[in-house]
Amino acid sequence: MFDKNSVMWAGHTELVFTDENNNSFLVDSQKLSLGENKRILFSNRIRRFGCNKDITAEEREIIVSKVLTLTPEIKWQIQ
């Protein structure tokens, strides 16, 4: 099965998650310490890319879950 979900870094603190329907979301994060691959993902700061439509709690949970799955090299803390 081809997985169309993707994650791309957009600068130092944000990443762009694109789902299987080509909807893109900006996800705010922050690196915790130098030299280690630990980051905080701010689930309440996820927003649609290029659109002001609100995101539901269910959509947030799905996005967080998929970002974690697609970035196994990062030790995430969710806030």
Protein backbone atom coordinates (compact mmCIF):
# COMPACT_ATOMS: atom_id res chain seq x y z
CA MET A 1 0.00 0.00 0.00
CA PHE A 2 1.33 3.44 -0.94
CA ASP A 3 1.33 5.88 1.95
CA LYS A 4 0.72 9.46 0.77
CA ASN A 5 1.22 10.97 4.23
CA SER A 6 4.37 13.06 4.51
CA VAL A 7 6.24 15.34 6.87
CA MET A 8 8.54 18.14 5.76
CA TRP A 9 10.44 20.57 7.97
CA ALA A 10 9.61 24.25 7.45
CA GLY A 11 12.31 26.09 9.32
CA HIS A 12 13.52 25.33 12.84
CA THR A 13 10.22 25.05 14.68
CA GLU A 14 7.48 24.10 12.25
CA LEU A 15 6.82 21.11 10.09
CA VAL A 16 4.28 20.60 7.34
CA PHE A 17 2.21 17.43 7.51
CA THR A 18 0.35 16.45 4.33
CA ASP A 19 -2.36 13.82 4.64
CA GLU A 20 -3.57 11.22 2.15
CA ASN A 21 -6.07 13.76 0.72
CA ASN A 22 -3.31 16.34 0.05
CA ASN A 23 -4.49 18.58 2.91
CA SER A 24 -1.51 20.30 4.53
CA PHE A 25 -1.16 21.36 8.15
CA LEU A 26 1.46 23.44 9.97
CA VAL A 27 2.58 21.76 13.18
CA ASP A 28 4.47 23.84 15.74
CA SER A 29 7.33 22.18 17.60
CA GLN A 30 10.44 23.05 19.54
CA LYS A 31 13.78 21.30 19.96
CA LEU A 32 14.49 20.44 23.59
CA SER A 33 18.26 20.09 23.80
CA LEU A 34 21.30 20.37 21.58
CA GLY A 35 22.74 17.17 20.21
CA GLU A 36 19.71 15.04 20.99
CA ASN A 37 16.72 14.44 18.78
CA LYS A 38 14.06 15.41 21.31
CA ARG A 39 11.26 17.80 20.43
CA ILE A 40 7.99 19.10 21.83
CA LEU A 41 4.98 18.95 19.52
CA PHE A 42 2.36 21.56 20.40
CA SER A 43 -0.91 19.84 19.45
CA ASN A 44 -2.95 22.97 20.22
CA ARG A 45 -0.93 24.92 17.64
CA ILE A 46 -1.72 22.74 14.62
CA ARG A 47 -3.39 24.73 11.87
CA ARG A 48 -4.37 24.25 8.26
CA PHE A 49 -1.87 25.46 5.71
CA GLY A 50 -3.37 28.20 3.54
CA CYS A 51 -6.83 28.00 5.09
CA ASN A 52 -8.50 29.45 8.20
CA LYS A 53 -10.88 26.54 8.75
CA ASP A 54 -10.72 25.19 12.33
CA ILE A 55 -9.31 21.78 13.11
CA THR A 56 -11.35 19.35 15.21
CA ALA A 57 -9.95 17.51 18.23
CA GLU A 58 -10.21 14.26 16.25
CA GLU A 59 -8.19 15.74 13.37
CA ARG A 60 -5.53 16.91 15.85
CA GLU A 61 -5.24 13.41 17.32
CA ILE A 62 -4.90 11.86 13.86
CA ILE A 63 -2.27 14.39 12.78
CA VAL A 64 -0.22 13.90 15.96
CA SER A 65 -0.40 10.13 15.59
CA LYS A 66 0.71 10.23 11.96
CA VAL A 67 3.55 12.68 12.64
CA LEU A 68 4.83 10.36 15.39
CA THR A 69 4.62 7.37 13.05
CA LEU A 70 6.39 9.20 10.19
CA THR A 71 9.23 10.53 12.37
CA PRO A 72 10.35 7.56 14.50
CA GLU A 73 13.86 9.02 14.86
CA ILE A 74 12.50 11.86 16.99
CA LYS A 75 11.65 11.47 20.68
CA TRP A 76 8.47 13.56 20.90
CA GLN A 77 6.81 15.09 23.93
CA ILE A 78 3.24 16.12 23.22
CA GLN A 79 1.71 19.24 24.75
